[in-house]
N, C-alpha and C. Protein backbone atom coordinates (compact mmCIF):
# COMPACT_ATOMS: atom_id res chain seq x y z
N UNK A 1 -47.07 -51.90 -1.25
CA UNK A 1 -47.50 -50.95 -2.25
C UNK A 1 -48.59 -50.06 -1.68
N UNK A 2 -48.56 -48.81 -2.06
CA UNK A 2 -49.69 -47.91 -1.86
C UNK A 2 -50.60 -48.12 -3.06
N UNK A 3 -51.86 -48.44 -2.81
CA UNK A 3 -52.79 -48.74 -3.89
C UNK A 3 -53.61 -47.51 -4.22
N UNK A 4 -53.57 -47.10 -5.46
CA UNK A 4 -54.39 -45.98 -5.92
C UNK A 4 -55.70 -46.48 -6.52
N UNK A 5 -55.67 -47.68 -7.10
CA UNK A 5 -56.85 -48.24 -7.74
C UNK A 5 -56.72 -49.76 -7.82
N UNK A 6 -57.78 -50.45 -7.42
CA UNK A 6 -57.85 -51.90 -7.59
C UNK A 6 -58.64 -52.17 -8.87
N UNK A 7 -58.14 -53.04 -9.70
CA UNK A 7 -58.88 -53.44 -10.89
C UNK A 7 -59.67 -54.72 -10.61
N UNK A 8 -59.13 -55.55 -9.71
CA UNK A 8 -59.78 -56.83 -9.41
C UNK A 8 -59.12 -57.46 -8.19
N UNK A 9 -59.90 -58.03 -7.29
CA UNK A 9 -59.36 -58.91 -6.26
C UNK A 9 -58.88 -58.30 -4.97
N UNK A 10 -59.11 -57.03 -4.70
CA UNK A 10 -58.63 -56.49 -3.45
C UNK A 10 -59.32 -55.21 -3.07
N UNK A 11 -58.94 -54.71 -1.92
CA UNK A 11 -59.45 -53.44 -1.42
C UNK A 11 -58.46 -52.92 -0.40
N UNK A 12 -58.56 -51.67 -0.09
CA UNK A 12 -57.68 -51.06 0.90
C UNK A 12 -56.62 -50.19 0.24
N UNK A 13 -55.94 -49.42 1.07
CA UNK A 13 -54.98 -48.43 0.59
C UNK A 13 -53.56 -48.96 0.45
N UNK A 14 -53.28 -50.13 1.02
CA UNK A 14 -51.93 -50.70 0.96
C UNK A 14 -52.00 -52.22 0.84
N UNK A 15 -50.97 -52.79 0.21
CA UNK A 15 -50.85 -54.24 0.12
C UNK A 15 -49.36 -54.59 0.03
N UNK A 16 -49.00 -55.71 0.60
CA UNK A 16 -47.63 -56.21 0.50
C UNK A 16 -47.62 -57.33 -0.53
N UNK A 17 -46.75 -57.18 -1.53
CA UNK A 17 -46.65 -58.14 -2.63
C UNK A 17 -45.18 -58.47 -2.84
N UNK A 18 -44.84 -59.75 -2.93
CA UNK A 18 -43.48 -60.15 -3.25
C UNK A 18 -43.23 -59.84 -4.73
N UNK A 19 -42.16 -59.08 -4.99
CA UNK A 19 -41.84 -58.70 -6.35
C UNK A 19 -40.33 -58.62 -6.48
N UNK A 20 -39.81 -59.12 -7.58
CA UNK A 20 -38.37 -59.04 -7.80
C UNK A 20 -37.92 -57.58 -7.85
N UNK A 21 -36.72 -57.34 -7.39
CA UNK A 21 -36.16 -55.99 -7.38
C UNK A 21 -35.79 -55.56 -8.79
N UNK A 22 -35.80 -54.24 -9.05
CA UNK A 22 -35.32 -53.78 -10.36
C UNK A 22 -33.91 -54.30 -10.62
N UNK A 23 -33.63 -54.63 -11.83
CA UNK A 23 -32.32 -55.19 -12.18
C UNK A 23 -32.32 -56.70 -12.15
N UNK A 24 -33.16 -57.32 -11.31
CA UNK A 24 -33.30 -58.77 -11.29
C UNK A 24 -34.36 -59.21 -12.28
N UNK A 25 -35.17 -58.28 -12.69
CA UNK A 25 -36.30 -58.59 -13.56
C UNK A 25 -35.89 -58.33 -14.99
N UNK A 26 -36.00 -59.35 -15.82
CA UNK A 26 -35.67 -59.17 -17.23
C UNK A 26 -36.91 -59.19 -18.10
N UNK A 27 -38.02 -59.68 -17.59
CA UNK A 27 -39.22 -59.80 -18.40
C UNK A 27 -40.28 -58.75 -18.08
N UNK A 28 -40.08 -57.95 -17.04
CA UNK A 28 -41.06 -56.93 -16.67
C UNK A 28 -41.03 -55.80 -17.69
N UNK A 29 -42.18 -55.52 -18.26
CA UNK A 29 -42.29 -54.42 -19.22
C UNK A 29 -41.80 -53.13 -18.57
N UNK A 30 -40.90 -52.43 -19.20
CA UNK A 30 -40.37 -51.16 -18.68
C UNK A 30 -39.77 -51.35 -17.29
N UNK A 31 -38.81 -52.24 -17.14
CA UNK A 31 -38.30 -52.67 -15.84
C UNK A 31 -37.52 -51.61 -15.07
N UNK A 32 -37.46 -50.37 -15.52
CA UNK A 32 -36.71 -49.34 -14.82
C UNK A 32 -37.47 -48.70 -13.69
N UNK A 33 -38.15 -49.46 -12.87
CA UNK A 33 -38.92 -48.89 -11.77
C UNK A 33 -38.06 -48.75 -10.51
N UNK A 34 -38.53 -47.93 -9.57
CA UNK A 34 -37.85 -47.69 -8.31
C UNK A 34 -38.91 -47.36 -7.27
N UNK A 35 -38.48 -47.15 -6.04
CA UNK A 35 -39.42 -46.70 -5.00
C UNK A 35 -40.10 -45.44 -5.50
N UNK A 36 -41.39 -45.37 -5.31
CA UNK A 36 -42.25 -44.27 -5.74
C UNK A 36 -42.64 -44.33 -7.21
N UNK A 37 -42.23 -45.38 -7.95
CA UNK A 37 -42.70 -45.53 -9.32
C UNK A 37 -44.17 -45.91 -9.29
N UNK A 38 -44.89 -45.51 -10.28
CA UNK A 38 -46.28 -45.89 -10.40
C UNK A 38 -46.33 -47.13 -11.29
N UNK A 39 -46.89 -48.21 -10.77
CA UNK A 39 -46.90 -49.50 -11.47
C UNK A 39 -48.31 -50.03 -11.63
N UNK A 40 -48.50 -50.85 -12.63
CA UNK A 40 -49.68 -51.70 -12.76
C UNK A 40 -49.19 -53.10 -12.44
N UNK A 41 -49.70 -53.67 -11.35
CA UNK A 41 -49.19 -54.95 -10.87
C UNK A 41 -50.28 -56.01 -10.96
N UNK A 42 -49.94 -57.14 -11.55
CA UNK A 42 -50.82 -58.30 -11.58
C UNK A 42 -50.09 -59.45 -10.92
N UNK A 43 -50.85 -60.39 -10.40
CA UNK A 43 -50.20 -61.51 -9.73
C UNK A 43 -51.18 -62.55 -9.27
N UNK A 44 -50.74 -63.31 -8.27
CA UNK A 44 -51.55 -64.40 -7.75
C UNK A 44 -51.04 -64.76 -6.36
N UNK A 45 -51.83 -65.54 -5.59
CA UNK A 45 -51.32 -66.03 -4.31
C UNK A 45 -50.14 -66.97 -4.57
N UNK A 46 -49.06 -66.79 -3.86
CA UNK A 46 -47.86 -67.58 -4.11
C UNK A 46 -48.09 -69.07 -3.92
N UNK A 47 -48.86 -69.43 -2.93
CA UNK A 47 -49.06 -70.85 -2.61
C UNK A 47 -50.51 -71.26 -2.81
N UNK A 48 -51.31 -70.50 -3.53
CA UNK A 48 -52.72 -70.79 -3.70
C UNK A 48 -53.54 -70.11 -2.63
N UNK A 49 -54.82 -70.30 -2.67
CA UNK A 49 -55.71 -69.69 -1.68
C UNK A 49 -56.38 -68.44 -2.20
N UNK A 50 -56.71 -67.55 -1.30
CA UNK A 50 -57.39 -66.31 -1.64
C UNK A 50 -56.45 -65.36 -2.38
N UNK A 51 -57.00 -64.40 -3.14
CA UNK A 51 -56.16 -63.53 -3.97
C UNK A 51 -55.00 -62.84 -3.24
N UNK A 52 -55.17 -62.46 -1.99
CA UNK A 52 -54.11 -61.74 -1.30
C UNK A 52 -53.42 -62.57 -0.23
N UNK A 53 -53.52 -63.90 -0.31
CA UNK A 53 -52.77 -64.79 0.59
C UNK A 53 -51.34 -64.90 0.06
N UNK A 54 -50.40 -64.20 0.69
CA UNK A 54 -48.98 -64.22 0.30
C UNK A 54 -48.82 -63.96 -1.20
N UNK A 55 -49.29 -62.80 -1.70
CA UNK A 55 -49.29 -62.55 -3.14
C UNK A 55 -47.90 -62.33 -3.72
N UNK A 56 -47.76 -62.74 -4.97
CA UNK A 56 -46.52 -62.54 -5.72
C UNK A 56 -46.89 -61.88 -7.05
N UNK A 57 -46.06 -60.91 -7.48
CA UNK A 57 -46.32 -60.21 -8.73
C UNK A 57 -45.85 -61.03 -9.92
N UNK A 58 -46.64 -61.01 -10.97
CA UNK A 58 -46.23 -61.63 -12.22
C UNK A 58 -45.29 -60.66 -12.93
N UNK A 59 -44.14 -61.14 -13.35
CA UNK A 59 -43.19 -60.27 -14.04
C UNK A 59 -42.99 -60.69 -15.50
N UNK A 60 -43.81 -61.59 -15.98
CA UNK A 60 -43.65 -62.09 -17.36
C UNK A 60 -44.59 -61.38 -18.32
N UNK A 61 -44.48 -60.05 -18.40
CA UNK A 61 -45.24 -59.31 -19.37
C UNK A 61 -46.56 -58.75 -18.91
N UNK A 62 -46.97 -59.02 -17.67
CA UNK A 62 -48.24 -58.49 -17.19
C UNK A 62 -48.02 -57.25 -16.33
N UNK A 63 -47.25 -57.34 -15.27
CA UNK A 63 -46.96 -56.17 -14.45
C UNK A 63 -46.07 -55.23 -15.25
N UNK A 64 -46.26 -53.93 -15.05
CA UNK A 64 -45.52 -52.95 -15.86
C UNK A 64 -45.58 -51.58 -15.21
N UNK A 65 -44.76 -50.68 -15.68
CA UNK A 65 -44.89 -49.31 -15.23
C UNK A 65 -46.23 -48.79 -15.75
N UNK A 66 -46.80 -47.86 -15.00
CA UNK A 66 -48.14 -47.34 -15.31
C UNK A 66 -48.13 -46.55 -16.61
N UNK A 67 -49.15 -46.79 -17.42
CA UNK A 67 -49.45 -45.90 -18.53
C UNK A 67 -50.97 -45.90 -18.68
N UNK A 68 -51.50 -44.76 -19.09
CA UNK A 68 -52.94 -44.58 -19.13
C UNK A 68 -53.67 -45.55 -20.03
N UNK A 69 -53.11 -45.87 -21.19
CA UNK A 69 -53.78 -46.77 -22.13
C UNK A 69 -53.93 -48.17 -21.54
N UNK A 70 -52.87 -48.68 -20.89
CA UNK A 70 -52.96 -50.01 -20.29
C UNK A 70 -53.92 -50.00 -19.11
N UNK A 71 -53.87 -48.95 -18.28
CA UNK A 71 -54.81 -48.85 -17.15
C UNK A 71 -56.25 -48.85 -17.66
N UNK A 72 -56.53 -48.12 -18.73
CA UNK A 72 -57.88 -48.11 -19.31
C UNK A 72 -58.27 -49.50 -19.81
N UNK A 73 -57.34 -50.22 -20.44
CA UNK A 73 -57.63 -51.57 -20.92
C UNK A 73 -57.92 -52.50 -19.75
N UNK A 74 -57.16 -52.37 -18.64
CA UNK A 74 -57.42 -53.21 -17.47
C UNK A 74 -58.78 -52.87 -16.87
N UNK A 75 -59.14 -51.58 -16.81
CA UNK A 75 -60.45 -51.19 -16.27
C UNK A 75 -61.56 -51.85 -17.09
N UNK A 76 -61.43 -51.79 -18.41
CA UNK A 76 -62.43 -52.39 -19.29
C UNK A 76 -62.50 -53.90 -19.12
N UNK A 77 -61.36 -54.55 -19.03
CA UNK A 77 -61.31 -56.02 -18.91
C UNK A 77 -61.93 -56.50 -17.60
N UNK A 78 -61.79 -55.72 -16.54
CA UNK A 78 -62.26 -56.18 -15.23
C UNK A 78 -63.52 -55.49 -14.74
N UNK A 79 -64.20 -54.76 -15.62
CA UNK A 79 -65.45 -54.11 -15.19
C UNK A 79 -66.64 -54.97 -15.47
């Protein structure tokens, strides 16, 4: 992912995150994403450890396509 903004747990302009492909995801809010979609992604280390140790995206209602209201809520929650 190209990172435009970190809300919590990382830094830098890019990160690699394991995420199910569009069409495989049934629980991701607004699952019609593709390459170049703007997303809000939440997750955790797949096997434990530090936040970006082999991270995996949560697709059960947390990660979603970007919208301003949700981004503002995340900024408030993590500030």
